[in-house]
């Protein structure tokens, strides 16, 4: 079996497992992830810029909206930015009053289908957006957000894959230190 095929099959299995989550299970797991994000080893008061993802409800991505609201309320000077599909192209936009996003972020929250708890490599949807973006953010703390059901061993990787610094699930926080 070739690597792309193995990765493609894994991607499909992880998508299916997540889509089979019950609504209440998804809600409770998302709430637990928000609690873990708030208490992560990040001093949020020192973070000036955050790139985050807006959860895709149809893909049952972890709902981190409560965390973003918490940051907005607690750290009003924090520059929050997110990618949005504009005219068929992904663009990073500033969330507050259309402020221009910085070129470099302090922290990047990354969605994913799965991850390897030993290497903190991730597997996403296969479009390459985050692989390309993370390569432009060498100094940012890269935090993956995933459900525990996405934990996988021996994740096939490519040379351009960028490992994460932390992965937060509803069950625990994984770090490479």
N, C-alpha and C. Protein backbone atom coordinates (compact mmCIF):
# COMPACT_ATOMS: atom_id res chain seq x y z
N UNK A 1 0.85 -1.18 0.00
CA UNK A 1 0.00 0.00 0.00
C UNK A 1 0.90 1.24 0.00
N UNK A 2 0.66 2.15 -0.87
CA UNK A 2 1.48 3.35 -0.95
C UNK A 2 1.08 4.34 0.14
N UNK A 3 1.99 5.26 0.44
CA UNK A 3 1.78 6.21 1.52
C UNK A 3 0.52 7.06 1.32
N UNK A 4 0.31 7.68 0.14
CA UNK A 4 -0.90 8.49 -0.02
C UNK A 4 -2.17 7.68 0.21
N UNK A 5 -2.16 6.42 -0.22
CA UNK A 5 -3.33 5.57 -0.03
C UNK A 5 -3.56 5.31 1.45
N UNK A 6 -2.50 5.01 2.19
CA UNK A 6 -2.61 4.76 3.63
C UNK A 6 -3.13 6.02 4.33
N UNK A 7 -2.61 7.16 3.96
CA UNK A 7 -3.02 8.42 4.57
C UNK A 7 -4.48 8.72 4.21
N UNK A 8 -4.83 8.46 2.97
CA UNK A 8 -6.20 8.71 2.51
C UNK A 8 -7.19 7.81 3.25
N UNK A 9 -6.82 6.55 3.41
CA UNK A 9 -7.70 5.61 4.13
C UNK A 9 -7.84 6.01 5.59
N UNK A 10 -6.74 6.42 6.21
CA UNK A 10 -6.77 6.86 7.60
C UNK A 10 -7.65 8.11 7.74
N UNK A 11 -7.47 9.04 6.82
CA UNK A 11 -8.27 10.28 6.83
C UNK A 11 -9.76 9.94 6.78
N UNK A 12 -10.14 9.01 5.91
CA UNK A 12 -11.54 8.62 5.76
C UNK A 12 -12.07 7.97 7.04
N UNK A 13 -11.28 7.09 7.66
CA UNK A 13 -11.69 6.41 8.89
C UNK A 13 -11.85 7.41 10.04
N UNK A 14 -10.95 8.38 10.14
CA UNK A 14 -11.03 9.39 11.20
C UNK A 14 -12.24 10.30 11.00
N UNK A 15 -12.51 10.68 9.74
CA UNK A 15 -13.69 11.49 9.44
C UNK A 15 -14.95 10.75 9.87
N UNK A 16 -15.04 9.48 9.48
CA UNK A 16 -16.21 8.68 9.78
C UNK A 16 -16.41 8.54 11.29
N UNK A 17 -15.34 8.28 12.03
CA UNK A 17 -15.43 8.12 13.48
C UNK A 17 -15.97 9.41 14.12
N UNK A 18 -15.50 10.54 13.65
CA UNK A 18 -15.96 11.82 14.22
C UNK A 18 -17.41 12.08 13.87
N UNK A 19 -17.80 11.77 12.63
CA UNK A 19 -19.19 11.99 12.22
C UNK A 19 -20.17 11.08 12.95
N UNK A 20 -19.66 10.01 13.54
CA UNK A 20 -20.53 9.10 14.29
C UNK A 20 -20.72 9.52 15.75
N UNK A 21 -20.07 10.62 16.16
CA UNK A 21 -20.25 11.10 17.53
C UNK A 21 -21.70 11.53 17.72
N UNK A 22 -22.24 11.24 18.89
CA UNK A 22 -23.58 11.70 19.24
C UNK A 22 -23.51 13.19 19.58
N UNK A 23 -24.61 13.91 19.39
CA UNK A 23 -24.63 15.35 19.65
C UNK A 23 -24.15 15.69 21.06
N UNK A 24 -24.68 14.96 22.05
CA UNK A 24 -24.32 15.23 23.45
C UNK A 24 -22.85 14.91 23.69
N UNK A 25 -22.35 13.85 23.11
CA UNK A 25 -20.94 13.48 23.23
C UNK A 25 -20.06 14.58 22.64
N UNK A 26 -20.44 15.11 21.48
CA UNK A 26 -19.71 16.19 20.82
C UNK A 26 -19.73 17.45 21.69
N UNK A 27 -20.88 17.78 22.22
CA UNK A 27 -21.02 18.99 23.04
C UNK A 27 -20.16 18.90 24.30
N UNK A 28 -20.23 17.78 25.01
CA UNK A 28 -19.46 17.62 26.23
C UNK A 28 -17.95 17.58 25.96
N UNK A 29 -17.55 16.89 24.90
CA UNK A 29 -16.12 16.82 24.55
C UNK A 29 -15.61 18.21 24.15
N UNK A 30 -16.41 18.96 23.41
CA UNK A 30 -16.02 20.32 23.02
C UNK A 30 -15.87 21.21 24.25
N UNK A 31 -16.80 21.09 25.19
CA UNK A 31 -16.71 21.89 26.43
C UNK A 31 -15.44 21.54 27.20
N UNK A 32 -15.10 20.27 27.26
CA UNK A 32 -13.89 19.84 27.97
C UNK A 32 -12.64 20.40 27.27
N UNK A 33 -12.66 20.45 25.95
CA UNK A 33 -11.54 21.02 25.20
C UNK A 33 -11.39 22.51 25.51
N UNK A 34 -12.52 23.23 25.57
CA UNK A 34 -12.48 24.66 25.90
C UNK A 34 -11.86 24.87 27.28
N UNK A 35 -12.24 24.06 28.27
CA UNK A 35 -11.67 24.16 29.62
C UNK A 35 -10.16 23.91 29.56
N UNK A 36 -9.73 22.91 28.81
CA UNK A 36 -8.30 22.61 28.70
C UNK A 36 -7.54 23.73 27.99
N UNK A 37 -8.16 24.33 26.97
CA UNK A 37 -7.50 25.45 26.28
C UNK A 37 -7.28 26.62 27.24
N UNK A 38 -8.27 26.91 28.07
CA UNK A 38 -8.14 28.03 29.03
C UNK A 38 -7.00 27.78 30.00
N UNK A 39 -6.80 26.53 30.39
CA UNK A 39 -5.78 26.22 31.40
C UNK A 39 -4.51 25.62 30.80
N UNK A 40 -4.37 25.71 29.49
CA UNK A 40 -3.17 25.17 28.81
C UNK A 40 -1.93 25.89 29.34
N UNK A 41 -0.77 25.36 29.03
CA UNK A 41 0.48 25.92 29.52
C UNK A 41 0.83 27.26 28.85
N UNK A 42 -0.15 27.87 28.23
CA UNK A 42 0.05 29.16 27.56
C UNK A 42 -0.38 30.26 28.53
N UNK A 43 0.47 31.28 28.68
CA UNK A 43 0.07 32.46 29.46
C UNK A 43 -0.66 33.38 28.48
N UNK A 44 -1.97 33.26 28.46
CA UNK A 44 -2.77 33.99 27.47
C UNK A 44 -2.63 35.49 27.62
N UNK A 45 -2.26 35.97 28.81
CA UNK A 45 -2.11 37.42 29.01
C UNK A 45 -0.90 37.97 28.25
N UNK A 46 0.02 37.08 27.87
CA UNK A 46 1.22 37.53 27.14
C UNK A 46 1.10 37.33 25.62
N UNK A 47 0.04 36.68 25.19
CA UNK A 47 -0.17 36.42 23.76
C UNK A 47 -0.75 37.69 23.11
N UNK A 48 -0.10 38.15 22.05
CA UNK A 48 -0.56 39.35 21.35
C UNK A 48 -1.41 39.03 20.12
N UNK A 49 -1.13 37.86 19.51
CA UNK A 49 -1.87 37.51 18.29
C UNK A 49 -2.16 36.01 18.26
N UNK A 50 -3.38 35.69 17.87
CA UNK A 50 -3.82 34.30 17.81
C UNK A 50 -4.51 34.04 16.47
N UNK A 51 -4.06 33.01 15.80
CA UNK A 51 -4.72 32.53 14.58
C UNK A 51 -5.52 31.31 15.01
N UNK A 52 -6.83 31.35 14.79
CA UNK A 52 -7.68 30.24 15.19
C UNK A 52 -8.57 29.80 14.04
N UNK A 53 -9.17 28.63 14.20
CA UNK A 53 -10.07 28.11 13.18
C UNK A 53 -11.51 28.28 13.66
N UNK A 54 -12.39 28.54 12.71
CA UNK A 54 -13.82 28.56 13.01
C UNK A 54 -14.33 27.15 12.73
N UNK A 55 -14.87 26.49 13.75
CA UNK A 55 -15.26 25.09 13.59
C UNK A 55 -16.30 24.89 12.48
N UNK A 56 -16.08 23.87 11.68
CA UNK A 56 -17.02 23.52 10.62
C UNK A 56 -18.01 22.54 11.23
N UNK A 57 -19.22 23.01 11.50
CA UNK A 57 -20.22 22.20 12.19
C UNK A 57 -20.54 20.92 11.42
N UNK A 58 -20.62 21.00 10.09
CA UNK A 58 -20.97 19.82 9.29
C UNK A 58 -19.90 18.73 9.37
N UNK A 59 -18.67 19.11 9.76
CA UNK A 59 -17.58 18.14 9.92
C UNK A 59 -17.42 17.71 11.38
N UNK A 60 -18.30 18.24 12.24
CA UNK A 60 -18.24 17.97 13.68
C UNK A 60 -16.87 18.28 14.29
N UNK A 61 -16.26 19.38 13.83
CA UNK A 61 -15.01 19.81 14.43
C UNK A 61 -15.29 20.24 15.87
N UNK A 62 -14.29 20.15 16.75
CA UNK A 62 -14.50 20.62 18.13
C UNK A 62 -14.97 22.06 18.13
N UNK A 63 -16.01 22.34 18.91
CA UNK A 63 -16.58 23.68 18.99
C UNK A 63 -15.79 24.49 20.01
N UNK A 64 -14.91 25.34 19.51
CA UNK A 64 -14.05 26.16 20.38
C UNK A 64 -14.58 27.59 20.51
N UNK A 65 -15.79 27.83 20.05
CA UNK A 65 -16.35 29.19 20.09
C UNK A 65 -16.38 29.76 21.51
N UNK A 66 -16.66 28.92 22.51
CA UNK A 66 -16.66 29.38 23.90
C UNK A 66 -15.29 29.89 24.33
N UNK A 67 -14.24 29.26 23.81
CA UNK A 67 -12.88 29.69 24.13
C UNK A 67 -12.57 31.04 23.48
N UNK A 68 -12.99 31.21 22.25
CA UNK A 68 -12.74 32.48 21.55
C UNK A 68 -13.49 33.61 22.24
N UNK A 69 -14.72 33.36 22.67
CA UNK A 69 -15.49 34.36 23.41
C UNK A 69 -14.79 34.71 24.72
N UNK A 70 -14.29 33.69 25.41
CA UNK A 70 -13.53 33.91 26.65
C UNK A 70 -12.32 34.82 26.39
N UNK A 71 -11.57 34.55 25.33
CA UNK A 71 -10.41 35.38 25.01
C UNK A 71 -10.83 36.82 24.69
N UNK A 72 -11.88 36.97 23.90
CA UNK A 72 -12.38 38.32 23.56
C UNK A 72 -12.75 39.10 24.82
N UNK A 73 -13.42 38.43 25.75
CA UNK A 73 -13.88 39.09 26.97
C UNK A 73 -12.74 39.36 27.95
N UNK A 74 -11.79 38.46 28.04
CA UNK A 74 -10.73 38.54 29.05
C UNK A 74 -9.52 39.32 28.57
N UNK A 75 -9.21 39.23 27.29
CA UNK A 75 -8.01 39.88 26.73
C UNK A 75 -8.41 40.72 25.51
N UNK A 76 -9.06 41.86 25.74
CA UNK A 76 -9.58 42.66 24.62
C UNK A 76 -8.51 43.17 23.64
N UNK A 77 -7.25 43.21 24.06
CA UNK A 77 -6.19 43.69 23.16
C UNK A 77 -5.61 42.58 22.30
N UNK A 78 -5.99 41.34 22.58
CA UNK A 78 -5.49 40.20 21.81
C UNK A 78 -6.01 40.29 20.38
N UNK A 79 -5.10 40.21 19.43
CA UNK A 79 -5.47 40.26 18.02
C UNK A 79 -5.89 38.86 17.58
N UNK A 80 -7.17 38.69 17.28
CA UNK A 80 -7.72 37.40 16.86
C UNK A 80 -7.93 37.39 15.36
N UNK A 81 -7.42 36.36 14.70
CA UNK A 81 -7.53 36.26 13.25
C UNK A 81 -7.92 34.83 12.88
N UNK A 82 -8.61 34.70 11.75
CA UNK A 82 -9.07 33.39 11.32
C UNK A 82 -9.08 33.32 9.79
N UNK A 83 -8.90 32.13 9.23
CA UNK A 83 -9.01 32.02 7.77
C UNK A 83 -10.48 31.93 7.35
N UNK A 84 -10.80 32.60 6.28
CA UNK A 84 -12.15 32.53 5.71
C UNK A 84 -12.02 32.36 4.21
N UNK A 85 -12.96 31.64 3.65
CA UNK A 85 -12.99 31.44 2.20
C UNK A 85 -13.65 32.67 1.57
N UNK A 86 -12.86 33.46 0.86
CA UNK A 86 -13.35 34.69 0.25
C UNK A 86 -13.08 34.60 -1.25
N UNK A 87 -14.15 34.65 -2.03
CA UNK A 87 -14.04 34.52 -3.49
C UNK A 87 -13.23 33.29 -3.90
N UNK A 88 -13.49 32.17 -3.23
CA UNK A 88 -12.85 30.92 -3.58
C UNK A 88 -11.42 30.75 -3.11
N UNK A 89 -10.92 31.70 -2.31
CA UNK A 89 -9.53 31.65 -1.83
C UNK A 89 -9.51 31.86 -0.31
N UNK A 90 -8.70 31.05 0.38
CA UNK A 90 -8.58 31.21 1.83
C UNK A 90 -7.74 32.44 2.14
N UNK A 91 -8.31 33.33 2.97
CA UNK A 91 -7.60 34.53 3.39
C UNK A 91 -7.71 34.66 4.90
N UNK A 92 -6.62 35.09 5.54
CA UNK A 92 -6.65 35.33 6.98
C UNK A 92 -7.17 36.74 7.21
N UNK A 93 -8.20 36.84 8.05
CA UNK A 93 -8.77 38.16 8.33
C UNK A 93 -8.70 38.44 9.82
N UNK A 94 -8.63 39.73 10.14
CA UNK A 94 -8.71 40.16 11.54
C UNK A 94 -10.17 40.18 11.94
N UNK A 95 -10.47 39.65 13.11
CA UNK A 95 -11.86 39.52 13.53
C UNK A 95 -12.42 40.81 14.10
N UNK A 96 -11.59 41.60 14.76
CA UNK A 96 -12.05 42.84 15.39
C UNK A 96 -11.95 44.01 14.43
N UNK A 97 -13.07 44.51 13.97
CA UNK A 97 -13.09 45.70 13.14
C UNK A 97 -12.26 45.60 11.87
N UNK A 98 -12.06 44.39 11.37
CA UNK A 98 -11.34 44.21 10.12
C UNK A 98 -9.86 44.58 10.21
N UNK A 99 -9.30 44.58 11.42
CA UNK A 99 -7.88 44.90 11.58
C UNK A 99 -7.04 43.95 10.74
N UNK A 100 -6.01 44.49 10.12
CA UNK A 100 -5.14 43.67 9.28
C UNK A 100 -4.42 42.63 10.15
N UNK A 101 -4.40 41.38 9.70
CA UNK A 101 -3.71 40.34 10.47
C UNK A 101 -2.20 40.52 10.41
N UNK A 102 -1.50 40.13 11.47
CA UNK A 102 -0.03 40.20 11.43
C UNK A 102 0.52 39.11 10.51
N UNK A 103 1.77 39.26 10.11
CA UNK A 103 2.41 38.22 9.30
C UNK A 103 2.79 37.02 10.15
N UNK A 104 3.15 37.29 11.40
CA UNK A 104 3.57 36.23 12.32
C UNK A 104 2.66 36.24 13.55
N UNK A 105 2.29 35.06 13.98
CA UNK A 105 1.41 34.91 15.13
C UNK A 105 2.17 34.35 16.32
N UNK A 106 1.68 34.66 17.53
CA UNK A 106 2.26 34.09 18.75
C UNK A 106 1.77 32.66 18.93
N UNK A 107 0.48 32.44 18.67
CA UNK A 107 -0.13 31.12 18.84
C UNK A 107 -1.03 30.83 17.64
N UNK A 108 -1.01 29.58 17.20
CA UNK A 108 -1.89 29.13 16.12
C UNK A 108 -2.66 27.91 16.65
N UNK A 109 -3.99 28.01 16.63
CA UNK A 109 -4.85 26.86 16.96
C UNK A 109 -5.18 26.16 15.66
N UNK A 110 -4.94 24.86 15.63
CA UNK A 110 -5.04 24.10 14.40
C UNK A 110 -6.09 22.99 14.53
N UNK A 111 -7.04 22.92 13.60
CA UNK A 111 -7.98 21.80 13.61
C UNK A 111 -7.33 20.59 12.95
N UNK A 112 -7.84 19.41 13.24
CA UNK A 112 -7.29 18.23 12.60
C UNK A 112 -8.23 17.05 12.79
N UNK A 113 -8.04 16.07 11.94
CA UNK A 113 -8.81 14.83 12.06
C UNK A 113 -8.15 13.89 13.06
N UNK A 114 -6.82 13.88 13.08
CA UNK A 114 -6.11 12.96 13.94
C UNK A 114 -4.69 13.42 14.22
N UNK A 115 -4.03 12.70 15.13
CA UNK A 115 -2.67 13.06 15.52
C UNK A 115 -1.98 11.84 16.10
N UNK A 116 -0.65 11.90 16.07
CA UNK A 116 0.19 10.88 16.69
C UNK A 116 0.65 11.45 18.04
N UNK A 117 0.27 10.85 19.17
CA UNK A 117 0.63 11.42 20.47
C UNK A 117 2.13 11.44 20.76
N UNK A 118 2.91 10.62 20.07
CA UNK A 118 4.37 10.60 20.30
C UNK A 118 5.09 11.70 19.51
N UNK A 119 4.71 11.87 18.25
CA UNK A 119 5.42 12.83 17.39
C UNK A 119 4.71 14.17 17.29
N UNK A 120 3.45 14.23 17.70
CA UNK A 120 2.58 15.40 17.56
C UNK A 120 2.43 15.84 16.11
N UNK A 121 2.55 14.88 15.22
CA UNK A 121 2.21 15.13 13.81
C UNK A 121 0.69 15.06 13.70
N UNK A 122 0.13 15.79 12.76
CA UNK A 122 -1.32 15.84 12.58
C UNK A 122 -1.71 15.33 11.21
N UNK A 123 -2.97 14.96 11.09
CA UNK A 123 -3.53 14.68 9.77
C UNK A 123 -4.80 15.52 9.66
N UNK A 124 -4.87 16.26 8.57
CA UNK A 124 -6.03 17.12 8.33
C UNK A 124 -6.85 16.57 7.18
N UNK A 125 -7.52 17.46 6.50
CA UNK A 125 -8.42 17.06 5.42
C UNK A 125 -7.70 16.78 4.10
N UNK A 126 -6.42 17.13 4.03
CA UNK A 126 -5.65 16.82 2.83
C UNK A 126 -5.51 17.96 1.85
N UNK A 127 -6.01 19.14 2.20
CA UNK A 127 -5.90 20.28 1.29
C UNK A 127 -4.58 21.02 1.38
N UNK A 128 -3.83 20.81 2.46
CA UNK A 128 -2.52 21.42 2.59
C UNK A 128 -2.51 22.84 3.15
N UNK A 129 -3.68 23.40 3.49
CA UNK A 129 -3.72 24.79 3.98
C UNK A 129 -2.83 24.96 5.21
N UNK A 130 -3.03 24.13 6.22
CA UNK A 130 -2.27 24.30 7.46
C UNK A 130 -0.81 23.91 7.31
N UNK A 131 -0.50 22.92 6.46
CA UNK A 131 0.91 22.59 6.23
C UNK A 131 1.65 23.82 5.69
N UNK A 132 1.06 24.49 4.71
CA UNK A 132 1.69 25.67 4.12
C UNK A 132 1.74 26.82 5.13
N UNK A 133 0.61 27.03 5.83
CA UNK A 133 0.55 28.14 6.77
C UNK A 133 1.52 27.95 7.94
N UNK A 134 1.55 26.77 8.53
CA UNK A 134 2.43 26.53 9.68
C UNK A 134 3.90 26.69 9.32
N UNK A 135 4.25 26.39 8.07
CA UNK A 135 5.63 26.56 7.62
C UNK A 135 6.04 28.04 7.64
N UNK A 136 5.07 28.96 7.58
CA UNK A 136 5.36 30.40 7.61
C UNK A 136 5.38 30.94 9.04
N UNK A 137 5.14 30.06 10.02
CA UNK A 137 5.01 30.50 11.42
C UNK A 137 6.00 29.75 12.33
N UNK A 138 7.31 29.84 12.05
CA UNK A 138 8.27 29.03 12.82
C UNK A 138 8.31 29.35 14.31
N UNK A 139 8.00 30.58 14.70
CA UNK A 139 8.10 30.95 16.12
C UNK A 139 6.78 30.78 16.87
N UNK A 140 5.70 30.61 16.17
CA UNK A 140 4.39 30.49 16.82
C UNK A 140 4.29 29.19 17.61
N UNK A 141 3.58 29.24 18.72
CA UNK A 141 3.25 28.02 19.43
C UNK A 141 2.08 27.39 18.69
N UNK A 142 2.27 26.16 18.26
CA UNK A 142 1.28 25.48 17.42
C UNK A 142 0.51 24.49 18.29
N UNK A 143 -0.80 24.77 18.46
CA UNK A 143 -1.64 23.95 19.33
C UNK A 143 -2.72 23.28 18.49
N UNK A 144 -2.67 21.96 18.46
CA UNK A 144 -3.68 21.20 17.74
C UNK A 144 -4.89 20.95 18.63
N UNK A 145 -6.07 20.98 18.03
CA UNK A 145 -7.31 20.73 18.75
C UNK A 145 -7.99 19.55 18.07
N UNK A 146 -8.25 18.50 18.85
CA UNK A 146 -8.78 17.27 18.28
C UNK A 146 -9.54 16.49 19.35
N UNK A 147 -10.43 15.66 18.93
CA UNK A 147 -11.06 14.75 19.87
C UNK A 147 -10.12 13.57 20.10
N UNK A 148 -10.22 12.97 21.27
CA UNK A 148 -9.38 11.84 21.64
C UNK A 148 -9.51 10.70 20.63
N UNK A 149 -10.67 10.57 20.01
CA UNK A 149 -10.86 9.49 19.02
C UNK A 149 -9.97 9.66 17.79
N UNK A 150 -9.32 10.82 17.66
CA UNK A 150 -8.39 11.04 16.55
C UNK A 150 -6.97 10.58 16.83
N UNK A 151 -6.73 10.09 18.04
CA UNK A 151 -5.38 9.63 18.41
C UNK A 151 -5.04 8.39 17.61
N UNK A 152 -3.89 8.43 16.94
CA UNK A 152 -3.49 7.31 16.10
C UNK A 152 -1.98 7.10 16.22
N UNK A 153 -1.53 5.90 15.98
CA UNK A 153 -0.09 5.60 16.06
C UNK A 153 0.50 5.50 14.66
N UNK A 154 1.78 5.80 14.56
CA UNK A 154 2.52 5.65 13.29
C UNK A 154 1.84 6.37 12.14
N UNK A 155 1.50 7.62 12.38
CA UNK A 155 0.86 8.44 11.36
C UNK A 155 1.82 8.63 10.18
N UNK A 156 1.39 8.31 8.97
CA UNK A 156 2.27 8.54 7.81
C UNK A 156 2.53 10.05 7.66
N UNK A 157 3.78 10.42 7.45
CA UNK A 157 4.11 11.84 7.31
C UNK A 157 4.82 12.11 5.99
N UNK A 158 4.77 13.37 5.63
CA UNK A 158 5.45 13.87 4.43
C UNK A 158 6.54 14.84 4.89
N UNK A 159 7.54 15.10 4.04
CA UNK A 159 8.62 16.01 4.44
C UNK A 159 8.15 17.41 4.82
N UNK A 160 7.03 17.86 4.25
CA UNK A 160 6.55 19.23 4.51
C UNK A 160 5.65 19.32 5.74
N UNK A 161 5.32 18.20 6.40
CA UNK A 161 4.47 18.23 7.58
C UNK A 161 5.18 18.94 8.73
N UNK A 162 4.45 19.77 9.44
CA UNK A 162 5.00 20.52 10.57
C UNK A 162 4.40 19.96 11.86
N UNK A 163 5.24 19.43 12.76
CA UNK A 163 4.70 18.91 14.02
C UNK A 163 4.18 20.05 14.90
N UNK A 164 3.26 19.70 15.79
CA UNK A 164 2.67 20.66 16.70
C UNK A 164 3.46 20.70 18.01
N UNK A 165 3.23 21.74 18.80
CA UNK A 165 3.86 21.84 20.12
C UNK A 165 3.00 21.19 21.19
N UNK A 166 1.69 21.31 21.02
CA UNK A 166 0.72 20.74 21.96
C UNK A 166 -0.46 20.21 21.16
N UNK A 167 -1.12 19.21 21.72
CA UNK A 167 -2.41 18.77 21.19
C UNK A 167 -3.34 18.71 22.39
N UNK A 168 -4.49 19.34 22.24
CA UNK A 168 -5.48 19.38 23.32
C UNK A 168 -6.70 18.57 22.87
N UNK A 169 -7.07 17.60 23.70
CA UNK A 169 -8.29 16.82 23.46
C UNK A 169 -9.18 16.99 24.70
N UNK A 170 -10.34 16.36 24.65
CA UNK A 170 -11.23 16.42 25.81
C UNK A 170 -10.66 15.64 27.00
N UNK A 171 -9.75 14.71 26.74
CA UNK A 171 -9.22 13.84 27.80
C UNK A 171 -7.92 14.36 28.41
N UNK A 172 -7.09 14.99 27.60
CA UNK A 172 -5.79 15.43 28.11
C UNK A 172 -5.07 16.35 27.15
N UNK A 173 -3.89 16.79 27.59
CA UNK A 173 -3.03 17.61 26.76
C UNK A 173 -1.77 16.81 26.46
N UNK A 174 -1.39 16.77 25.20
CA UNK A 174 -0.17 16.07 24.77
C UNK A 174 0.86 17.13 24.42
N UNK A 175 2.10 16.92 24.87
CA UNK A 175 3.15 17.88 24.49
C UNK A 175 4.40 17.10 24.10
N UNK A 176 5.28 17.78 23.39
CA UNK A 176 6.51 17.11 22.95
C UNK A 176 7.67 17.41 23.89
N UNK A 177 7.35 17.91 25.09
CA UNK A 177 8.44 18.18 26.04
C UNK A 177 8.31 17.29 27.25
